[in-house]
C-alpha atoms as a PDB file:
ATOM      1  CA  UNK A   1     107.494  47.045   9.543  1.00  0.00           C
ATOM      2  CA  UNK A   2     109.888  47.877  12.376  1.00  0.00           C
ATOM      3  CA  UNK A   3     111.880  50.273  10.184  1.00  0.00           C
ATOM      4  CA  UNK A   4     108.706  52.094   9.191  1.00  0.00           C
ATOM      5  CA  UNK A   5     107.517  52.314  12.794  1.00  0.00           C
ATOM      6  CA  UNK A   6     110.935  53.568  13.901  1.00  0.00           C
ATOM      7  CA  UNK A   7     110.912  56.294  11.269  1.00  0.00           C
ATOM      8  CA  UNK A   8     107.387  57.327  12.242  1.00  0.00           C
ATOM      9  CA  UNK A   9     108.349  57.543  15.916  1.00  0.00           C
ATOM     10  CA  UNK A  10     111.267  59.813  15.051  1.00  0.00           C
ATOM     11  CA  UNK A  11     109.024  62.019  12.909  1.00  0.00           C
ATOM     12  CA  UNK A  12     106.370  62.206  15.629  1.00  0.00           C
ATOM     13  CA  UNK A  13     108.939  63.146  18.270  1.00  0.00           C
ATOM     14  CA  UNK A  14     110.374  65.836  16.032  1.00  0.00           C
ATOM     15  CA  UNK A  15     106.869  67.217  15.505  1.00  0.00           C
ATOM     16  CA  UNK A  16     106.027  67.035  19.209  1.00  0.00           C
ATOM     17  CA  UNK A  17     109.069  68.995  20.320  1.00  0.00           C
ATOM     18  CA  UNK A  18     109.800  71.270  17.395  1.00  0.00           C
ATOM     19  CA  UNK A  19     106.766  71.889  15.170  1.00  0.00           C
ATOM     20  CA  UNK A  20     105.387  75.437  15.493  1.00  0.00           C
ATOM     21  CA  UNK A  21     101.754  74.344  15.014  1.00  0.00           C
ATOM     22  CA  UNK A  22      99.948  73.360  18.240  1.00  0.00           C
ATOM     23  CA  UNK A  23      97.564  71.129  16.307  1.00  0.00           C
ATOM     24  CA  UNK A  24     100.442  69.134  14.833  1.00  0.00           C
ATOM     25  CA  UNK A  25     102.121  68.814  18.227  1.00  0.00           C
ATOM     26  CA  UNK A  26      98.893  67.587  19.821  1.00  0.00           C
ATOM     27  CA  UNK A  27      98.357  65.026  17.064  1.00  0.00           C
ATOM     28  CA  UNK A  28     101.944  63.805  17.427  1.00  0.00           C
ATOM     29  CA  UNK A  29     101.530  63.443  21.177  1.00  0.00           C
ATOM     30  CA  UNK A  30      98.339  61.419  20.755  1.00  0.00           C
ATOM     31  CA  UNK A  31      99.974  59.160  18.182  1.00  0.00           C
ATOM     32  CA  UNK A  32     102.984  58.538  20.422  1.00  0.00           C
ATOM     33  CA  UNK A  33     100.795  57.714  23.407  1.00  0.00           C
ATOM     34  CA  UNK A  34      98.811  55.251  21.308  1.00  0.00           C
ATOM     35  CA  UNK A  35     102.017  53.743  19.940  1.00  0.00           C
ATOM     36  CA  UNK A  36     103.252  52.995  23.466  1.00  0.00           C
ATOM     37  CA  UNK A  37     100.435  50.464  23.821  1.00  0.00           C
ATOM     38  CA  UNK A  38     101.356  48.481  20.701  1.00  0.00           C
ATOM     39  CA  UNK A  39     103.448  45.335  20.378  1.00  0.00           C
ATOM     40  CA  UNK A  40     105.799  47.162  18.011  1.00  0.00           C
ATOM     41  CA  UNK A  41     106.747  49.512  20.848  1.00  0.00           C
ATOM     42  CA  UNK A  42     108.902  46.812  22.464  1.00  0.00           C
ATOM     43  CA  UNK A  43     111.289  46.434  19.549  1.00  0.00           C
ATOM     44  CA  UNK A  44     111.257  50.039  18.367  1.00  0.00           C
ATOM     45  CA  UNK A  45     111.997  51.468  21.812  1.00  0.00           C
ATOM     46  CA  UNK A  46     114.743  48.931  22.422  1.00  0.00           C
ATOM     47  CA  UNK A  47     116.316  49.548  19.025  1.00  0.00           C
ATOM     48  CA  UNK A  48     116.350  53.328  19.385  1.00  0.00           C
ATOM     49  CA  UNK A  49     117.846  53.111  22.870  1.00  0.00           C
ATOM     50  CA  UNK A  50     120.744  51.100  21.480  1.00  0.00           C
ATOM     51  CA  UNK A  51     121.099  53.469  18.505  1.00  0.00           C
ATOM     52  CA  UNK A  52     124.069  55.790  19.074  1.00  0.00           C
ATOM     53  CA  UNK A  53     122.463  58.463  16.877  1.00  0.00           C
ATOM     54  CA  UNK A  54     119.333  58.830  19.043  1.00  0.00           C
ATOM     55  CA  UNK A  55     118.954  62.286  20.578  1.00  0.00           C
ATOM     56  CA  UNK A  56     117.904  63.004  24.160  1.00  0.00           C
ATOM     57  CA  UNK A  57     114.235  63.412  23.267  1.00  0.00           C
ATOM     58  CA  UNK A  58     114.226  59.994  21.619  1.00  0.00           C
ATOM     59  CA  UNK A  59     116.096  58.390  24.508  1.00  0.00           C
ATOM     60  CA  UNK A  60     113.662  59.810  27.042  1.00  0.00           C
ATOM     61  CA  UNK A  61     110.585  58.693  25.130  1.00  0.00           C
ATOM     62  CA  UNK A  62     111.957  55.232  24.427  1.00  0.00           C
ATOM     63  CA  UNK A  63     113.212  54.629  27.961  1.00  0.00           C
ATOM     64  CA  UNK A  64     109.814  55.643  29.348  1.00  0.00           C
ATOM     65  CA  UNK A  65     108.110  53.435  26.775  1.00  0.00           C
ATOM     66  CA  UNK A  66     110.241  50.392  27.539  1.00  0.00           C
ATOM     67  CA  UNK A  67     109.816  50.925  31.273  1.00  0.00           C
ATOM     68  CA  UNK A  68     106.033  51.123  30.967  1.00  0.00           C
ATOM     69  CA  UNK A  69     105.922  48.071  28.685  1.00  0.00           C
ATOM     70  CA  UNK A  70     107.839  45.988  31.220  1.00  0.00           C
ATOM     71  CA  UNK A  71     105.659  47.267  34.040  1.00  0.00           C
ATOM     72  CA  UNK A  72     102.238  46.727  32.524  1.00  0.00           C
ATOM     73  CA  UNK A  73     102.572  44.596  29.379  1.00  0.00           C
ATOM     74  CA  UNK A  74     105.164  41.962  30.271  1.00  0.00           C
ATOM     75  CA  UNK A  75     102.711  39.128  29.723  1.00  0.00           C
ATOM     76  CA  UNK A  76     102.425  40.132  26.062  1.00  0.00           C
ATOM     77  CA  UNK A  77     105.818  38.527  25.555  1.00  0.00           C
ATOM     78  CA  UNK A  78     106.457  34.809  25.058  1.00  0.00           C
ATOM     79  CA  UNK A  79     108.402  33.142  27.870  1.00  0.00           C
ATOM     80  CA  UNK A  80     111.518  32.808  25.719  1.00  0.00           C
ATOM     81  CA  UNK A  81     111.695  36.599  25.367  1.00  0.00           C
ATOM     82  CA  UNK A  82     112.801  37.061  28.979  1.00  0.00           C
ATOM     83  CA  UNK A  83     116.489  36.382  28.434  1.00  0.00           C
ATOM     84  CA  UNK A  84     116.933  38.699  25.420  1.00  0.00           C
ATOM     85  CA  UNK A  85     115.003  41.411  27.271  1.00  0.00           C
ATOM     86  CA  UNK A  86     117.133  40.964  30.380  1.00  0.00           C
ATOM     87  CA  UNK A  87     120.329  41.083  28.313  1.00  0.00           C
ATOM     88  CA  UNK A  88     119.186  44.182  26.453  1.00  0.00           C
ATOM     89  CA  UNK A  89     118.219  46.055  29.615  1.00  0.00           C
ATOM     90  CA  UNK A  90     121.516  45.092  31.215  1.00  0.00           C
ATOM     91  CA  UNK A  91     123.372  46.431  28.192  1.00  0.00           C
ATOM     92  CA  UNK A  92     121.412  49.673  28.397  1.00  0.00           C
ATOM     93  CA  UNK A  93     122.098  49.954  32.124  1.00  0.00           C
ATOM     94  CA  UNK A  94     125.814  49.919  31.381  1.00  0.00           C
ATOM     95  CA  UNK A  95     125.483  52.145  28.324  1.00  0.00           C
ATOM     96  CA  UNK A  96     123.816  54.909  30.341  1.00  0.00           C
ATOM     97  CA  UNK A  97     126.101  54.518  33.345  1.00  0.00           C
ATOM     98  CA  UNK A  98     127.178  58.155  33.007  1.00  0.00           C
ATOM     99  CA  UNK A  99     123.785  59.406  31.930  1.00  0.00           C
ATOM    100  CA  UNK A 100     121.600  60.945  30.898  1.00  0.00           C
ATOM    101  CA  UNK A 101     120.456  60.368  34.503  1.00  0.00           C
ATOM    102  CA  UNK A 102     116.728  60.397  33.712  1.00  0.00           C
ATOM    103  CA  UNK A 103     117.206  57.763  31.023  1.00  0.00           C
ATOM    104  CA  UNK A 104     119.274  55.593  33.345  1.00  0.00           C
ATOM    105  CA  UNK A 105     116.571  55.835  36.007  1.00  0.00           C
ATOM    106  CA  UNK A 106     113.929  54.578  33.572  1.00  0.00           C
ATOM    107  CA  UNK A 107     116.134  51.606  32.691  1.00  0.00           C
ATOM    108  CA  UNK A 108     116.635  50.828  36.384  1.00  0.00           C
ATOM    109  CA  UNK A 109     112.882  50.907  36.986  1.00  0.00           C
ATOM    110  CA  UNK A 110     112.371  48.603  34.000  1.00  0.00           C
ATOM    111  CA  UNK A 111     114.863  46.070  35.381  1.00  0.00           C
ATOM    112  CA  UNK A 112     113.254  46.258  38.820  1.00  0.00           C
ATOM    113  CA  UNK A 113     109.841  45.662  37.244  1.00  0.00           C
ATOM    114  CA  UNK A 114     111.240  42.709  35.322  1.00  0.00           C
ATOM    115  CA  UNK A 115     112.477  41.248  38.601  1.00  0.00           C
ATOM    116  CA  UNK A 116     108.966  41.489  40.037  1.00  0.00           C
ATOM    117  CA  UNK A 117     107.546  39.526  37.111  1.00  0.00           C
ATOM    118  CA  UNK A 118     109.932  36.561  37.058  1.00  0.00           C
ATOM    119  CA  UNK A 119     111.021  33.989  39.667  1.00  0.00           C
ATOM    120  CA  UNK A 120     114.281  34.221  41.562  1.00  0.00           C
ATOM    121  CA  UNK A 121     115.783  31.367  39.530  1.00  0.00           C
ATOM    122  CA  UNK A 122     115.822  33.542  36.425  1.00  0.00           C
ATOM    123  CA  UNK A 123     118.547  35.652  38.041  1.00  0.00           C
ATOM    124  CA  UNK A 124     120.909  32.753  38.512  1.00  0.00           C
ATOM    125  CA  UNK A 125     119.305  31.178  41.558  1.00  0.00           C
ATOM    126  CA  UNK A 126     120.377  33.792  44.081  1.00  0.00           C
ATOM    127  CA  UNK A 127     117.903  36.450  43.035  1.00  0.00           C
ATOM    128  CA  UNK A 128     118.475  39.856  41.530  1.00  0.00           C
ATOM    129  CA  UNK A 129     120.322  41.284  44.557  1.00  0.00           C
ATOM    130  CA  UNK A 130     122.934  38.523  44.520  1.00  0.00           C
ATOM    131  CA  UNK A 131     123.187  38.839  40.745  1.00  0.00           C
ATOM    132  CA  UNK A 132     123.677  42.569  41.129  1.00  0.00           C
ATOM    133  CA  UNK A 133     126.303  42.013  43.809  1.00  0.00           C
ATOM    134  CA  UNK A 134     128.314  39.790  41.476  1.00  0.00           C
ATOM    135  CA  UNK A 135     128.129  42.425  38.746  1.00  0.00           C
ATOM    136  CA  UNK A 136     129.181  45.213  41.113  1.00  0.00           C
ATOM    137  CA  UNK A 137     132.235  43.249  42.192  1.00  0.00           C
ATOM    138  CA  UNK A 138     133.326  42.268  38.691  1.00  0.00           C
ATOM    139  CA  UNK A 139     132.536  45.499  36.814  1.00  0.00           C
ATOM    140  CA  UNK A 140     133.202  48.371  39.177  1.00  0.00           C
ATOM    141  CA  UNK A 141     133.305  50.899  36.351  1.00  0.00           C
ATOM    142  CA  UNK A 142     129.506  50.616  36.218  1.00  0.00           C
ATOM    143  CA  UNK A 143     128.938  51.138  39.946  1.00  0.00           C
ATOM    144  CA  UNK A 144     126.781  54.298  39.461  1.00  0.00           C
ATOM    145  CA  UNK A 145     124.221  52.357  37.406  1.00  0.00           C
ATOM    146  CA  UNK A 146     124.321  49.296  39.643  1.00  0.00           C
ATOM    147  CA  UNK A 147     123.934  51.459  42.736  1.00  0.00           C
ATOM    148  CA  UNK A 148     120.883  53.231  41.348  1.00  0.00           C
ATOM    149  CA  UNK A 149     119.281  49.882  40.555  1.00  0.00           C
ATOM    150  CA  UNK A 150     120.017  48.705  44.094  1.00  0.00           C
ATOM    151  CA  UNK A 151     118.284  51.826  45.448  1.00  0.00           C
ATOM    152  CA  UNK A 152     115.240  51.411  43.215  1.00  0.00           C
ATOM    153  CA  UNK A 153     114.615  47.693  43.811  1.00  0.00           C
ATOM    154  CA  UNK A 154     112.921  47.988  47.239  1.00  0.00           C
ATOM    155  CA  UNK A 155     111.005  51.068  46.118  1.00  0.00           C
ATOM    156  CA  UNK A 156     109.340  49.117  43.325  1.00  0.00           C
ATOM    157  CA  UNK A 157     107.834  46.542  45.693  1.00  0.00           C
ATOM    158  CA  UNK A 158     105.045  49.018  46.404  1.00  0.00           C
ATOM    159  CA  UNK A 159     104.603  50.222  42.824  1.00  0.00           C
ATOM    160  CA  UNK A 160     101.224  49.216  41.498  1.00  0.00           C
ATOM    161  CA  UNK A 161     102.198  50.398  38.053  1.00  0.00           C
ATOM    162  CA  UNK A 162     103.653  46.902  37.780  1.00  0.00           C
ATOM    163  CA  UNK A 163     100.902  44.594  36.557  1.00  0.00           C
ATOM    164  CA  UNK A 164     102.128  41.553  38.460  1.00  0.00           C
ATOM    165  CA  UNK A 165      99.944  38.885  39.960  1.00  0.00           C
ATOM    166  CA  UNK A 166      99.553  39.202  43.753  1.00  0.00           C
ATOM    167  CA  UNK A 167     101.318  35.924  44.488  1.00  0.00           C
ATOM    168  CA  UNK A 168     104.243  36.924  42.297  1.00  0.00           C
ATOM    169  CA  UNK A 169     104.493  40.339  43.975  1.00  0.00           C
ATOM    170  CA  UNK A 170     104.432  38.717  47.426  1.00  0.00           C
ATOM    171  CA  UNK A 171     107.141  36.274  46.426  1.00  0.00           C
ATOM    172  CA  UNK A 172     109.299  39.119  45.139  1.00  0.00           C
ATOM    173  CA  UNK A 173     108.945  40.935  48.455  1.00  0.00           C
ATOM    174  CA  UNK A 174     109.934  37.758  50.306  1.00  0.00           C
ATOM    175  CA  UNK A 175     112.940  37.227  48.045  1.00  0.00           C
ATOM    176  CA  UNK A 176     114.024  40.829  48.447  1.00  0.00           C
ATOM    177  CA  UNK A 177     113.681  40.703  52.217  1.00  0.00           C
ATOM    178  CA  UNK A 178     115.848  37.588  52.378  1.00  0.00           C
ATOM    179  CA  UNK A 179     118.498  39.486  50.396  1.00  0.00           C
ATOM    180  CA  UNK A 180     118.446  42.602  52.573  1.00  0.00           C
ATOM    181  CA  UNK A 181     121.706  41.779  54.358  1.00  0.00           C
ATOM    182  CA  UNK A 182     123.437  41.353  51.006  1.00  0.00           C
ATOM    183  CA  UNK A 183     122.071  44.701  49.830  1.00  0.00           C
ATOM    184  CA  UNK A 184     123.221  46.479  52.984  1.00  0.00           C
ATOM    185  CA  UNK A 185     126.676  44.924  52.640  1.00  0.00           C
ATOM    186  CA  UNK A 186     126.901  46.154  49.048  1.00  0.00           C
ATOM    187  CA  UNK A 187     125.897  49.643  50.131  1.00  0.00           C
ATOM    188  CA  UNK A 188     128.498  49.594  52.885  1.00  0.00           C
ATOM    189  CA  UNK A 189     131.164  48.635  50.350  1.00  0.00           C
ATOM    190  CA  UNK A 190     130.111  51.576  48.170  1.00  0.00           C
ATOM    191  CA  UNK A 191     130.858  54.041  50.978  1.00  0.00           C
ATOM    192  CA  UNK A 192     134.429  53.930  49.729  1.00  0.00           C
ATOM    193  CA  UNK A 193     133.391  55.956  46.675  1.00  0.00           C
ATOM    194  CA  UNK A 194     133.320  59.558  47.926  1.00  0.00           C
ATOM    195  CA  UNK A 195     131.389  60.821  44.907  1.00  0.00           C
ATOM    196  CA  UNK A 196     128.600  58.298  45.567  1.00  0.00           C
ATOM    197  CA  UNK A 197     128.066  58.807  49.297  1.00  0.00           C
ATOM    198  CA  UNK A 198     124.803  60.702  48.837  1.00  0.00           C
ATOM    199  CA  UNK A 199     123.425  57.881  46.683  1.00  0.00           C
ATOM    200  CA  UNK A 200     124.650  55.285  49.166  1.00  0.00           C
ATOM    201  CA  UNK A 201     122.821  57.016  52.019  1.00  0.00           C
ATOM    202  CA  UNK A 202     119.700  57.106  49.866  1.00  0.00           C
ATOM    203  CA  UNK A 203     120.164  53.387  49.335  1.00  0.00           C
ATOM    204  CA  UNK A 204     120.364  52.682  53.062  1.00  0.00           C
ATOM    205  CA  UNK A 205     117.185  54.707  53.595  1.00  0.00           C
ATOM    206  CA  UNK A 206     115.407  52.869  50.777  1.00  0.00           C
ATOM    207  CA  UNK A 207     116.277  49.416  52.104  1.00  0.00           C
ATOM    208  CA  UNK A 208     115.593  50.253  55.742  1.00  0.00           C
ATOM    209  CA  UNK A 209     112.162  51.657  54.834  1.00  0.00           C
ATOM    210  CA  UNK A 210     111.414  48.488  52.899  1.00  0.00           C
ATOM    211  CA  UNK A 211     112.556  46.184  55.705  1.00  0.00           C
ATOM    212  CA  UNK A 212     110.595  48.156  58.298  1.00  0.00           C
ATOM    213  CA  UNK A 213     107.457  48.086  56.154  1.00  0.00           C
ATOM    214  CA  UNK A 214     107.865  44.391  55.403  1.00  0.00           C
ATOM    215  CA  UNK A 215     108.278  43.541  59.082  1.00  0.00           C
ATOM    216  CA  UNK A 216     105.209  45.606  59.992  1.00  0.00           C
ATOM    217  CA  UNK A 217     103.070  43.899  57.344  1.00  0.00           C
ATOM    218  CA  UNK A 218     104.267  40.475  58.514  1.00  0.00           C
ATOM    219  CA  UNK A 219     103.149  41.276  62.057  1.00  0.00           C
ATOM    220  CA  UNK A 220      99.716  42.356  60.811  1.00  0.00           C
ATOM    221  CA  UNK A 221      99.346  39.123  58.867  1.00  0.00           C
END
């Protein structure tokens, strides 16, 4: 079943981007959009992202699909699926460390969305920021990917594309706020990478906006 669905996705993408007939392209687009809402989309998107033969069009579609599945359909999955999903996304984060940038961004958003859905304990007890800090220290060759994830994490607290329950979203914000000093320390350490300074400054802005907004909302409450 998965092999058939994978082949059909490839055919539909080829039609969408390369078929000369507008009617065929429109039909392919509709089929792909419908496919993104199926259970099969989880495995097919993941498989094609790990497939070294996948072209850019396939990588873009599958990264967007996986990101949207994590954001809105996470509760489709059984509880035991979290760890394999986390491991797969982490592998993809490292795989796309050097790009394509748009694909890497989708993977980062997916991981951030996953962090919203699950409790802090699922990241080793210290939360995703501490987990990320450990990875940044031990695997510096993947700093570009880790840094982008660090930038995106606070941005996703206000994303209502993530179908998380209100209490879970609030807990994630609390956990992230308690990790802000760790995040800022990691960003400071990254200032030593000249080629990443622009990203690091973006990271400081992202975290400071989050902390300011969190403090303001706490006062209102």
